[in-house]
Amino acid sequence: MAASDDNNSTAFVIHTLPGRTRLRVPEQRHDASWFARIAEQLLRHPRVKRVAVNAQTGSILLSHDGSIRELIEDLAGLITILPRPPAPRVPSRMRRPVQVTPAAALQVLALGSIALGIWQVRRGRILASALEHVWHAYGAWQNLRAPTVAAAMAGGALVQLGRGQVLSSAASLMYYAARLRRMGAARDKPPS
């Protein structure tokens, strides 16, 4: 096919099926006269059966015989067709994947727990079972090193014991059992 004045334009394959290919020519977008000329020139090629152009979107829809690869080679003098558009340039600060550290995840969980705690206070559900208060008193003493919190939890345990609210839910009891077994196993291990 003969060379054309328009061969400086670059088209990108946007979508292709056997016998049908959509091209995008971003640099000629909104140029209706250019799209009319290129459609006329493309229809002169023996393997191009039909051409539909849209200057507003900058697209060309080709119906053709054979593979698009062969057609790209044949049309090289008329228009440069590249297999896919270049990837958009993304600023480097946006390319970094978001990494959630365990500490950040724990902070989010802590905030969620505070929110749920406030919700439960508003519903009037302030105290847990006596057993849960004992468990939390132990945790505050052992892990947090917070004797005031441990004393408050122990006080809550006494209040709930007086009300007859002794046992926790089955799920809580199973969790406490698993934690106690793990804690016991860790203490039985000889130091390495």
N, C-alpha and C. Protein backbone atom coordinates (compact mmCIF):
# COMPACT_ATOMS: atom_id res chain seq x y z
N MET A 1 0.85 -1.17 0.00
CA MET A 1 0.00 0.00 0.00
C MET A 1 0.89 1.23 0.00
N ALA A 2 0.51 2.26 -0.67
CA ALA A 2 1.31 3.48 -0.79
C ALA A 2 1.33 4.24 0.51
N ALA A 3 2.44 4.94 0.75
CA ALA A 3 2.59 5.74 1.96
C ALA A 3 1.66 6.93 1.90
N SER A 4 1.33 7.45 3.07
CA SER A 4 0.40 8.56 3.17
C SER A 4 1.00 9.66 4.01
N ASP A 5 0.40 10.84 3.94
CA ASP A 5 0.83 11.96 4.78
C ASP A 5 0.51 11.70 6.25
N ASP A 6 -0.40 10.77 6.51
CA ASP A 6 -0.87 10.54 7.88
C ASP A 6 -0.05 9.48 8.62
N ASN A 7 1.06 8.98 8.02
CA ASN A 7 1.77 7.87 8.63
C ASN A 7 2.51 8.26 9.91
N ASN A 8 2.46 9.52 10.30
CA ASN A 8 3.07 9.91 11.55
C ASN A 8 2.13 9.67 12.73
N SER A 9 0.89 9.30 12.47
CA SER A 9 -0.07 9.02 13.53
C SER A 9 0.12 7.59 14.03
N THR A 10 -0.10 7.43 15.33
CA THR A 10 0.05 6.11 15.94
C THR A 10 -1.29 5.66 16.48
N ALA A 11 -1.66 4.43 16.11
CA ALA A 11 -2.89 3.81 16.61
C ALA A 11 -2.50 2.66 17.53
N PHE A 12 -3.35 2.41 18.51
CA PHE A 12 -3.13 1.32 19.46
C PHE A 12 -4.27 0.33 19.34
N VAL A 13 -3.93 -0.97 19.36
CA VAL A 13 -4.96 -2.00 19.37
C VAL A 13 -5.59 -2.01 20.76
N ILE A 14 -6.88 -1.71 20.80
CA ILE A 14 -7.60 -1.71 22.07
C ILE A 14 -8.26 -3.05 22.31
N HIS A 15 -8.81 -3.64 21.26
CA HIS A 15 -9.50 -4.92 21.40
C HIS A 15 -9.47 -5.60 20.04
N THR A 16 -9.27 -6.92 20.06
CA THR A 16 -9.28 -7.63 18.79
C THR A 16 -9.92 -9.00 18.95
N LEU A 17 -10.70 -9.36 17.95
CA LEU A 17 -11.30 -10.69 17.80
C LEU A 17 -10.97 -11.12 16.38
N PRO A 18 -11.08 -12.39 16.04
CA PRO A 18 -10.82 -12.78 14.66
C PRO A 18 -11.71 -11.99 13.69
N GLY A 19 -11.07 -11.25 12.80
CA GLY A 19 -11.78 -10.48 11.78
C GLY A 19 -12.31 -9.13 12.24
N ARG A 20 -12.03 -8.74 13.50
CA ARG A 20 -12.55 -7.47 14.01
C ARG A 20 -11.55 -6.88 15.00
N THR A 21 -11.17 -5.63 14.77
CA THR A 21 -10.19 -4.97 15.62
C THR A 21 -10.59 -3.53 15.87
N ARG A 22 -10.48 -3.10 17.15
CA ARG A 22 -10.72 -1.70 17.49
C ARG A 22 -9.37 -1.05 17.78
N LEU A 23 -9.16 0.10 17.12
CA LEU A 23 -7.94 0.88 17.30
C LEU A 23 -8.28 2.20 17.95
N ARG A 24 -7.34 2.76 18.67
CA ARG A 24 -7.51 4.08 19.27
C ARG A 24 -6.35 4.95 18.77
N VAL A 25 -6.69 6.16 18.32
CA VAL A 25 -5.69 7.12 17.83
C VAL A 25 -5.85 8.39 18.67
N PRO A 26 -5.25 8.42 19.85
CA PRO A 26 -5.50 9.54 20.76
C PRO A 26 -5.05 10.89 20.22
N GLU A 27 -3.97 10.92 19.44
CA GLU A 27 -3.46 12.21 18.97
C GLU A 27 -4.36 12.85 17.91
N GLN A 28 -5.25 12.08 17.28
CA GLN A 28 -6.15 12.64 16.26
C GLN A 28 -7.59 12.80 16.76
N ARG A 29 -7.78 12.56 18.04
CA ARG A 29 -9.12 12.64 18.61
C ARG A 29 -9.75 14.01 18.31
N HIS A 30 -11.00 14.00 17.92
CA HIS A 30 -11.81 15.18 17.56
C HIS A 30 -11.47 15.74 16.18
N ASP A 31 -10.57 15.11 15.44
CA ASP A 31 -10.22 15.59 14.09
C ASP A 31 -11.01 14.77 13.07
N ALA A 32 -12.24 15.20 12.79
CA ALA A 32 -13.16 14.46 11.92
C ALA A 32 -12.61 14.31 10.50
N SER A 33 -11.93 15.34 10.00
CA SER A 33 -11.40 15.23 8.63
C SER A 33 -10.29 14.19 8.54
N TRP A 34 -9.45 14.10 9.57
CA TRP A 34 -8.39 13.08 9.55
C TRP A 34 -9.01 11.70 9.56
N PHE A 35 -10.04 11.47 10.42
CA PHE A 35 -10.68 10.16 10.49
C PHE A 35 -11.39 9.82 9.18
N ALA A 36 -11.97 10.80 8.52
CA ALA A 36 -12.61 10.54 7.22
C ALA A 36 -11.57 10.11 6.19
N ARG A 37 -10.42 10.79 6.16
CA ARG A 37 -9.34 10.44 5.21
C ARG A 37 -8.79 9.03 5.49
N ILE A 38 -8.53 8.74 6.77
CA ILE A 38 -7.93 7.45 7.09
C ILE A 38 -8.91 6.31 6.81
N ALA A 39 -10.21 6.54 7.04
CA ALA A 39 -11.21 5.52 6.73
C ALA A 39 -11.23 5.22 5.24
N GLU A 40 -11.16 6.25 4.45
CA GLU A 40 -11.14 6.08 2.99
C GLU A 40 -9.91 5.29 2.55
N GLN A 41 -8.76 5.63 3.13
CA GLN A 41 -7.52 4.95 2.75
C GLN A 41 -7.51 3.50 3.24
N LEU A 42 -8.04 3.25 4.41
CA LEU A 42 -8.07 1.88 4.94
C LEU A 42 -8.97 0.99 4.09
N LEU A 43 -10.08 1.54 3.60
CA LEU A 43 -11.01 0.75 2.78
C LEU A 43 -10.40 0.33 1.44
N ARG A 44 -9.33 0.99 1.02
CA ARG A 44 -8.65 0.61 -0.24
C ARG A 44 -7.84 -0.67 -0.09
N HIS A 45 -7.54 -1.05 1.16
CA HIS A 45 -6.76 -2.26 1.36
C HIS A 45 -7.64 -3.47 1.07
N PRO A 46 -7.13 -4.48 0.33
CA PRO A 46 -7.98 -5.60 -0.08
C PRO A 46 -8.50 -6.46 1.09
N ARG A 47 -7.80 -6.50 2.22
CA ARG A 47 -8.25 -7.35 3.33
C ARG A 47 -9.14 -6.60 4.31
N VAL A 48 -9.30 -5.29 4.15
CA VAL A 48 -10.19 -4.51 5.02
C VAL A 48 -11.58 -4.53 4.39
N LYS A 49 -12.54 -5.06 5.13
CA LYS A 49 -13.90 -5.21 4.63
C LYS A 49 -14.79 -4.03 4.99
N ARG A 50 -14.60 -3.50 6.20
CA ARG A 50 -15.45 -2.40 6.64
C ARG A 50 -14.67 -1.57 7.65
N VAL A 51 -14.94 -0.26 7.67
CA VAL A 51 -14.29 0.66 8.61
C VAL A 51 -15.36 1.55 9.22
N ALA A 52 -15.32 1.68 10.53
CA ALA A 52 -16.19 2.62 11.23
C ALA A 52 -15.28 3.48 12.10
N VAL A 53 -15.40 4.80 11.96
CA VAL A 53 -14.56 5.71 12.74
C VAL A 53 -15.43 6.55 13.65
N ASN A 54 -14.82 7.00 14.74
CA ASN A 54 -15.49 7.89 15.67
C ASN A 54 -14.45 8.92 16.12
N ALA A 55 -14.52 10.10 15.57
CA ALA A 55 -13.54 11.14 15.88
C ALA A 55 -13.67 11.61 17.33
N GLN A 56 -14.88 11.56 17.90
CA GLN A 56 -15.06 12.01 19.28
C GLN A 56 -14.28 11.15 20.27
N THR A 57 -14.27 9.83 20.04
CA THR A 57 -13.54 8.94 20.93
C THR A 57 -12.15 8.61 20.41
N GLY A 58 -11.88 8.98 19.17
CA GLY A 58 -10.57 8.70 18.58
C GLY A 58 -10.40 7.23 18.23
N SER A 59 -11.49 6.56 17.81
CA SER A 59 -11.39 5.13 17.55
C SER A 59 -11.71 4.76 16.11
N ILE A 60 -11.14 3.63 15.72
CA ILE A 60 -11.37 3.05 14.40
C ILE A 60 -11.74 1.59 14.62
N LEU A 61 -12.85 1.15 14.04
CA LEU A 61 -13.26 -0.24 14.13
C LEU A 61 -13.08 -0.85 12.74
N LEU A 62 -12.23 -1.87 12.67
CA LEU A 62 -11.94 -2.53 11.39
C LEU A 62 -12.55 -3.91 11.35
N SER A 63 -13.21 -4.25 10.23
CA SER A 63 -13.59 -5.62 9.93
C SER A 63 -12.65 -6.06 8.83
N HIS A 64 -11.96 -7.18 9.04
CA HIS A 64 -10.88 -7.55 8.11
C HIS A 64 -10.76 -9.05 7.97
N ASP A 65 -10.07 -9.47 6.91
CA ASP A 65 -9.73 -10.88 6.71
C ASP A 65 -8.33 -11.10 7.27
N GLY A 66 -8.08 -12.31 7.73
CA GLY A 66 -6.75 -12.65 8.23
C GLY A 66 -6.50 -12.10 9.61
N SER A 67 -5.25 -12.28 10.09
CA SER A 67 -4.90 -11.85 11.43
C SER A 67 -4.57 -10.36 11.46
N ILE A 68 -4.73 -9.77 12.61
CA ILE A 68 -4.43 -8.35 12.76
C ILE A 68 -2.93 -8.12 12.63
N ARG A 69 -2.10 -9.11 13.01
CA ARG A 69 -0.64 -8.94 12.89
C ARG A 69 -0.22 -8.74 11.44
N GLU A 70 -0.78 -9.54 10.57
CA GLU A 70 -0.46 -9.38 9.14
C GLU A 70 -0.96 -8.04 8.63
N LEU A 71 -2.14 -7.65 9.06
CA LEU A 71 -2.72 -6.38 8.62
C LEU A 71 -1.89 -5.20 9.13
N ILE A 72 -1.37 -5.30 10.35
CA ILE A 72 -0.51 -4.23 10.90
C ILE A 72 0.70 -4.03 10.00
N GLU A 73 1.30 -5.14 9.56
CA GLU A 73 2.47 -5.04 8.67
C GLU A 73 2.08 -4.40 7.34
N ASP A 74 0.94 -4.80 6.80
CA ASP A 74 0.49 -4.25 5.51
C ASP A 74 0.19 -2.75 5.59
N LEU A 75 -0.31 -2.28 6.73
CA LEU A 75 -0.72 -0.89 6.86
C LEU A 75 0.39 0.02 7.38
N ALA A 76 1.59 -0.52 7.53
CA ALA A 76 2.70 0.25 8.13
C ALA A 76 2.97 1.55 7.39
N GLY A 77 2.79 1.60 6.09
CA GLY A 77 3.02 2.83 5.35
C GLY A 77 1.91 3.85 5.52
N LEU A 78 0.76 3.41 5.98
CA LEU A 78 -0.39 4.29 6.13
C LEU A 78 -0.51 4.84 7.55
N ILE A 79 -0.35 3.96 8.53
CA ILE A 79 -0.49 4.34 9.93
C ILE A 79 0.32 3.37 10.76
N THR A 80 0.93 3.86 11.82
CA THR A 80 1.68 3.00 12.74
C THR A 80 0.70 2.43 13.74
N ILE A 81 0.64 1.09 13.82
CA ILE A 81 -0.27 0.42 14.74
C ILE A 81 0.58 -0.35 15.74
N LEU A 82 0.39 -0.04 16.99
CA LEU A 82 1.10 -0.72 18.07
C LEU A 82 0.15 -1.68 18.76
N PRO A 83 0.67 -2.79 19.26
CA PRO A 83 -0.19 -3.81 19.86
C PRO A 83 -1.01 -3.35 21.06
N ARG A 84 -0.53 -2.42 21.85
CA ARG A 84 -1.30 -1.96 23.01
C ARG A 84 -0.84 -0.56 23.38
N PRO A 85 -1.71 0.18 24.01
CA PRO A 85 -1.33 1.54 24.41
C PRO A 85 -0.28 1.49 25.52
N PRO A 86 0.55 2.52 25.59
CA PRO A 86 1.53 2.54 26.67
C PRO A 86 0.81 2.66 28.02
N ALA A 87 1.42 2.07 29.05
CA ALA A 87 0.84 2.15 30.38
C ALA A 87 0.87 3.60 30.85
N PRO A 88 -0.19 4.05 31.50
CA PRO A 88 -0.18 5.43 31.98
C PRO A 88 0.90 5.61 33.03
N ARG A 89 1.52 6.76 33.02
CA ARG A 89 2.58 7.05 33.99
C ARG A 89 1.93 7.34 35.34
N VAL A 90 2.34 6.57 36.32
CA VAL A 90 1.82 6.71 37.67
C VAL A 90 2.92 7.30 38.53
N PRO A 91 2.65 8.36 39.28
CA PRO A 91 3.68 8.90 40.15
C PRO A 91 4.24 7.82 41.07
N SER A 92 5.55 7.88 41.33
CA SER A 92 6.21 6.82 42.08
C SER A 92 5.60 6.62 43.47
N ARG A 93 5.12 7.67 44.10
CA ARG A 93 4.55 7.49 45.43
C ARG A 93 3.25 6.70 45.38
N MET A 94 2.59 6.67 44.22
CA MET A 94 1.35 5.90 44.09
C MET A 94 1.63 4.45 43.69
N ARG A 95 2.83 4.15 43.17
CA ARG A 95 3.15 2.81 42.73
C ARG A 95 3.47 1.88 43.87
N ARG A 96 3.90 2.42 44.99
CA ARG A 96 4.26 1.57 46.12
C ARG A 96 3.00 0.88 46.66
N PRO A 97 3.09 -0.44 46.84
CA PRO A 97 1.93 -1.11 47.42
C PRO A 97 1.75 -0.70 48.87
N VAL A 98 0.52 -0.66 49.27
CA VAL A 98 0.22 -0.31 50.66
C VAL A 98 0.60 -1.51 51.52
N GLN A 99 1.45 -1.26 52.50
CA GLN A 99 1.85 -2.33 53.39
C GLN A 99 1.27 -2.05 54.77
N VAL A 100 0.54 -3.03 55.25
CA VAL A 100 -0.05 -2.90 56.57
C VAL A 100 0.84 -3.68 57.53
N THR A 101 1.44 -2.98 58.45
CA THR A 101 2.29 -3.64 59.44
C THR A 101 1.42 -4.25 60.52
N PRO A 102 1.93 -5.26 61.20
CA PRO A 102 1.13 -5.83 62.30
C PRO A 102 0.77 -4.79 63.36
N ALA A 103 1.68 -3.85 63.62
CA ALA A 103 1.38 -2.82 64.62
C ALA A 103 0.22 -1.95 64.15
N ALA A 104 0.19 -1.58 62.87
CA ALA A 104 -0.90 -0.76 62.34
C ALA A 104 -2.21 -1.53 62.38
N ALA A 105 -2.16 -2.82 62.05
CA ALA A 105 -3.38 -3.63 62.08
C ALA A 105 -3.92 -3.72 63.51
N LEU A 106 -3.02 -3.85 64.47
CA LEU A 106 -3.45 -3.92 65.87
C LEU A 106 -4.06 -2.59 66.32
N GLN A 107 -3.52 -1.48 65.82
CA GLN A 107 -4.08 -0.17 66.17
C GLN A 107 -5.50 -0.03 65.62
N VAL A 108 -5.70 -0.51 64.41
CA VAL A 108 -7.04 -0.46 63.81
C VAL A 108 -8.00 -1.33 64.61
N LEU A 109 -7.54 -2.52 64.99
CA LEU A 109 -8.39 -3.39 65.80
C LEU A 109 -8.70 -2.76 67.16
N ALA A 110 -7.71 -2.06 67.73
CA ALA A 110 -7.94 -1.39 69.02
C ALA A 110 -9.00 -0.31 68.88
N LEU A 111 -8.94 0.47 67.80
CA LEU A 111 -9.95 1.51 67.57
C LEU A 111 -11.33 0.90 67.38
N GLY A 112 -11.37 -0.21 66.65
CA GLY A 112 -12.65 -0.90 66.46
C GLY A 112 -13.21 -1.40 67.78
N SER A 113 -12.34 -1.91 68.64
CA SER A 113 -12.78 -2.39 69.95
C SER A 113 -13.30 -1.25 70.81
N ILE A 114 -12.65 -0.09 70.75
CA ILE A 114 -13.12 1.07 71.49
C ILE A 114 -14.51 1.48 71.00
N ALA A 115 -14.68 1.49 69.70
CA ALA A 115 -15.98 1.87 69.14
C ALA A 115 -17.07 0.89 69.58
N LEU A 116 -16.77 -0.41 69.53
CA LEU A 116 -17.75 -1.40 69.98
C LEU A 116 -18.01 -1.28 71.47
N GLY A 117 -16.96 -0.96 72.24
CA GLY A 117 -17.14 -0.75 73.68
C GLY A 117 -18.09 0.39 73.97
N ILE A 118 -17.93 1.49 73.25
CA ILE A 118 -18.83 2.65 73.42
C ILE A 118 -20.25 2.26 73.06
N TRP A 119 -20.39 1.50 72.00
CA TRP A 119 -21.73 1.05 71.58
C TRP A 119 -22.37 0.19 72.68
N GLN A 120 -21.59 -0.71 73.28
CA GLN A 120 -22.14 -1.55 74.34
C GLN A 120 -22.51 -0.73 75.57
N VAL A 121 -21.72 0.31 75.91
CA VAL A 121 -22.06 1.19 77.04
C VAL A 121 -23.39 1.86 76.77
N ARG A 122 -23.58 2.33 75.54
CA ARG A 122 -24.84 3.00 75.19
C ARG A 122 -26.02 2.04 75.29
N ARG A 123 -25.79 0.76 75.10
CA ARG A 123 -26.85 -0.25 75.21
C ARG A 123 -27.04 -0.71 76.65
N GLY A 124 -26.19 -0.20 77.56
CA GLY A 124 -26.33 -0.58 78.97
C GLY A 124 -25.62 -1.86 79.32
N ARG A 125 -24.82 -2.38 78.44
CA ARG A 125 -24.09 -3.63 78.69
C ARG A 125 -22.65 -3.30 79.04
N ILE A 126 -22.44 -3.00 80.31
CA ILE A 126 -21.13 -2.51 80.74
C ILE A 126 -20.25 -3.64 81.25
N LEU A 127 -20.79 -4.54 82.03
CA LEU A 127 -19.98 -5.59 82.66
C LEU A 127 -20.13 -6.92 81.92
N ALA A 128 -19.02 -7.68 81.92
CA ALA A 128 -19.04 -9.03 81.37
C ALA A 128 -19.33 -10.00 82.51
N SER A 129 -19.12 -11.27 82.27
CA SER A 129 -19.32 -12.26 83.34
C SER A 129 -18.18 -12.14 84.36
N ALA A 130 -18.38 -12.73 85.52
CA ALA A 130 -17.35 -12.70 86.56
C ALA A 130 -16.07 -13.35 86.07
N LEU A 131 -16.20 -14.46 85.34
CA LEU A 131 -15.03 -15.16 84.83
C LEU A 131 -14.23 -14.30 83.86
N GLU A 132 -14.93 -13.59 82.98
CA GLU A 132 -14.23 -12.71 82.04
C GLU A 132 -13.50 -11.60 82.79
N HIS A 133 -14.11 -11.07 83.83
CA HIS A 133 -13.44 -10.02 84.61
C HIS A 133 -12.18 -10.56 85.29
N VAL A 134 -12.25 -11.79 85.80
CA VAL A 134 -11.05 -12.40 86.40
C VAL A 134 -9.97 -12.55 85.35
N TRP A 135 -10.36 -13.05 84.17
CA TRP A 135 -9.40 -13.23 83.07
C TRP A 135 -8.75 -11.89 82.71
N HIS A 136 -9.55 -10.86 82.56
CA HIS A 136 -9.02 -9.55 82.17
C HIS A 136 -8.20 -8.92 83.29
N ALA A 137 -8.55 -9.19 84.54
CA ALA A 137 -7.74 -8.70 85.66
C ALA A 137 -6.36 -9.34 85.61
N TYR A 138 -6.31 -10.64 85.34
CA TYR A 138 -5.03 -11.33 85.22
C TYR A 138 -4.21 -10.74 84.06
N GLY A 139 -4.85 -10.54 82.92
CA GLY A 139 -4.15 -9.97 81.76
C GLY A 139 -3.64 -8.57 82.03
N ALA A 140 -4.43 -7.75 82.71
CA ALA A 140 -3.99 -6.39 83.02
C ALA A 140 -2.79 -6.41 83.96
N TRP A 141 -2.80 -7.35 84.91
CA TRP A 141 -1.69 -7.46 85.86
C TRP A 141 -0.45 -8.01 85.16
N GLN A 142 -0.60 -9.09 84.42
CA GLN A 142 0.53 -9.80 83.83
C GLN A 142 1.07 -9.11 82.58
N ASN A 143 0.21 -8.72 81.66
CA ASN A 143 0.65 -8.20 80.35
C ASN A 143 0.78 -6.69 80.32
N LEU A 144 -0.19 -6.00 80.88
CA LEU A 144 -0.19 -4.54 80.81
C LEU A 144 0.60 -3.90 81.95
N ARG A 145 0.82 -4.67 83.01
CA ARG A 145 1.50 -4.13 84.20
C ARG A 145 0.73 -2.91 84.71
N ALA A 146 -0.59 -3.06 84.75
CA ALA A 146 -1.48 -1.96 85.16
C ALA A 146 -2.30 -2.41 86.36
N PRO A 147 -1.77 -2.21 87.56
CA PRO A 147 -2.50 -2.68 88.75
C PRO A 147 -3.84 -2.01 88.94
N THR A 148 -4.00 -0.75 88.53
CA THR A 148 -5.29 -0.07 88.68
C THR A 148 -6.35 -0.73 87.80
N VAL A 149 -5.98 -1.05 86.57
CA VAL A 149 -6.92 -1.71 85.66
C VAL A 149 -7.24 -3.11 86.20
N ALA A 150 -6.21 -3.80 86.70
CA ALA A 150 -6.43 -5.14 87.25
C ALA A 150 -7.40 -5.08 88.44
N ALA A 151 -7.23 -4.07 89.30
CA ALA A 151 -8.13 -3.93 90.45
C ALA A 151 -9.56 -3.62 90.00
N ALA A 152 -9.71 -2.77 88.98
CA ALA A 152 -11.05 -2.45 88.47
C ALA A 152 -11.71 -3.69 87.89
N MET A 153 -10.95 -4.51 87.18
CA MET A 153 -11.50 -5.74 86.61
C MET A 153 -11.88 -6.71 87.72
N ALA A 154 -11.05 -6.80 88.75
CA ALA A 154 -11.37 -7.68 89.87
C ALA A 154 -12.64 -7.20 90.57
N GLY A 155 -12.82 -5.89 90.70
CA GLY A 155 -14.05 -5.33 91.27
C GLY A 155 -15.25 -5.68 90.43
N GLY A 156 -15.11 -5.60 89.10
CA GLY A 156 -16.21 -6.01 88.21
C GLY A 156 -16.54 -7.47 88.38
N ALA A 157 -15.52 -8.30 88.61
CA ALA A 157 -15.75 -9.74 88.84
C ALA A 157 -16.59 -9.95 90.09
N LEU A 158 -16.28 -9.20 91.15
CA LEU A 158 -17.04 -9.34 92.40
C LEU A 158 -18.49 -8.91 92.21
N VAL A 159 -18.70 -7.79 91.48
CA VAL A 159 -20.07 -7.32 91.23
C VAL A 159 -20.85 -8.38 90.47
N GLN A 160 -20.26 -8.93 89.42
CA GLN A 160 -20.97 -9.93 88.61
C GLN A 160 -21.16 -11.23 89.38
N LEU A 161 -20.21 -11.56 90.24
CA LEU A 161 -20.37 -12.77 91.07
C LEU A 161 -21.58 -12.59 91.99
N GLY A 162 -21.73 -11.38 92.57
CA GLY A 162 -22.88 -11.09 93.42
C GLY A 162 -24.19 -11.15 92.65
N ARG A 163 -24.19 -10.84 91.38
CA ARG A 163 -25.41 -10.89 90.55
C ARG A 163 -25.69 -12.29 90.01
N GLY A 164 -24.75 -13.19 90.20
CA GLY A 164 -24.94 -14.55 89.68
C GLY A 164 -24.47 -14.72 88.24
N GLN A 165 -23.82 -13.73 87.69
CA GLN A 165 -23.31 -13.78 86.31
C GLN A 165 -21.88 -14.33 86.34
N VAL A 166 -21.76 -15.64 86.50
CA VAL A 166 -20.46 -16.24 86.74
C VAL A 166 -19.77 -16.66 85.45
N LEU A 167 -20.44 -17.43 84.61
CA LEU A 167 -19.80 -18.03 83.44
C LEU A 167 -19.91 -17.14 82.20
N SER A 168 -18.90 -17.29 81.37
CA SER A 168 -18.87 -16.59 80.07
C SER A 168 -19.55 -17.47 79.02
N SER A 169 -19.55 -16.98 77.79
CA SER A 169 -20.09 -17.77 76.69
C SER A 169 -19.18 -18.96 76.43
N ALA A 170 -19.68 -19.95 75.74
CA ALA A 170 -18.88 -21.14 75.42
C ALA A 170 -17.64 -20.76 74.61
N ALA A 171 -17.80 -19.83 73.67
CA ALA A 171 -16.65 -19.42 72.84
C ALA A 171 -15.56 -18.80 73.71
N SER A 172 -15.94 -17.96 74.65
CA SER A 172 -14.95 -17.34 75.54
C SER A 172 -14.26 -18.39 76.39
N LEU A 173 -15.02 -19.33 76.92
CA LEU A 173 -14.43 -20.37 77.75
C LEU A 173 -13.45 -21.23 76.96
N MET A 174 -13.78 -21.55 75.72
CA MET A 174 -12.86 -22.33 74.87
C MET A 174 -11.59 -21.53 74.57
N TYR A 175 -11.75 -20.25 74.35
CA TYR A 175 -10.57 -19.41 74.11
C TYR A 175 -9.68 -19.36 75.35
N TYR A 176 -10.28 -19.18 76.52
CA TYR A 176 -9.49 -19.13 77.75
C TYR A 176 -8.74 -20.45 77.95
N ALA A 177 -9.41 -21.55 77.67
CA ALA A 177 -8.76 -22.86 77.82
C ALA A 177 -7.56 -22.97 76.89
N ALA A 178 -7.73 -22.55 75.64
CA ALA A 178 -6.62 -22.63 74.68
C ALA A 178 -5.45 -21.75 75.12
N ARG A 179 -5.76 -20.55 75.59
CA ARG A 179 -4.69 -19.64 76.05
C ARG A 179 -3.97 -20.20 77.26
N LEU A 180 -4.72 -20.75 78.21
CA LEU A 180 -4.10 -21.31 79.41
C LEU A 180 -3.21 -22.51 79.07
N ARG A 181 -3.66 -23.35 78.16
CA ARG A 181 -2.83 -24.50 77.74
C ARG A 181 -1.54 -24.01 77.09
N ARG A 182 -1.65 -23.02 76.21
CA ARG A 182 -0.45 -22.49 75.55
C ARG A 182 0.49 -21.85 76.57
N MET A 183 -0.07 -21.10 77.51
CA MET A 183 0.76 -20.46 78.54
C MET A 183 1.46 -21.52 79.38
N GLY A 184 0.74 -22.59 79.73
CA GLY A 184 1.35 -23.67 80.51
C GLY A 184 2.45 -24.38 79.74
N ALA A 185 2.21 -24.63 78.46
CA ALA A 185 3.22 -25.29 77.63
C ALA A 185 4.46 -24.43 77.50
N ALA A 186 4.28 -23.11 77.37
CA ALA A 186 5.43 -22.20 77.22
C ALA A 186 6.25 -22.19 78.50
N ARG A 187 5.61 -22.29 79.64
CA ARG A 187 6.36 -22.27 80.92
C ARG A 187 7.07 -23.61 81.17
N ASP A 188 6.53 -24.70 80.62
CA ASP A 188 7.15 -26.02 80.81
C ASP A 188 8.36 -26.23 79.91
N LYS A 189 8.50 -25.43 78.86
CA LYS A 189 9.62 -25.60 77.93
C LYS A 189 10.91 -25.24 78.62
N PRO A 190 11.93 -26.08 78.44
CA PRO A 190 13.23 -25.71 79.00
C PRO A 190 13.81 -24.53 78.24
N PRO A 191 14.52 -23.62 78.91
CA PRO A 191 15.11 -22.47 78.22
C PRO A 191 16.14 -22.94 77.20
N SER A 192 16.18 -22.28 76.05
CA SER A 192 17.12 -22.70 75.00
C SER A 192 18.37 -21.87 75.00
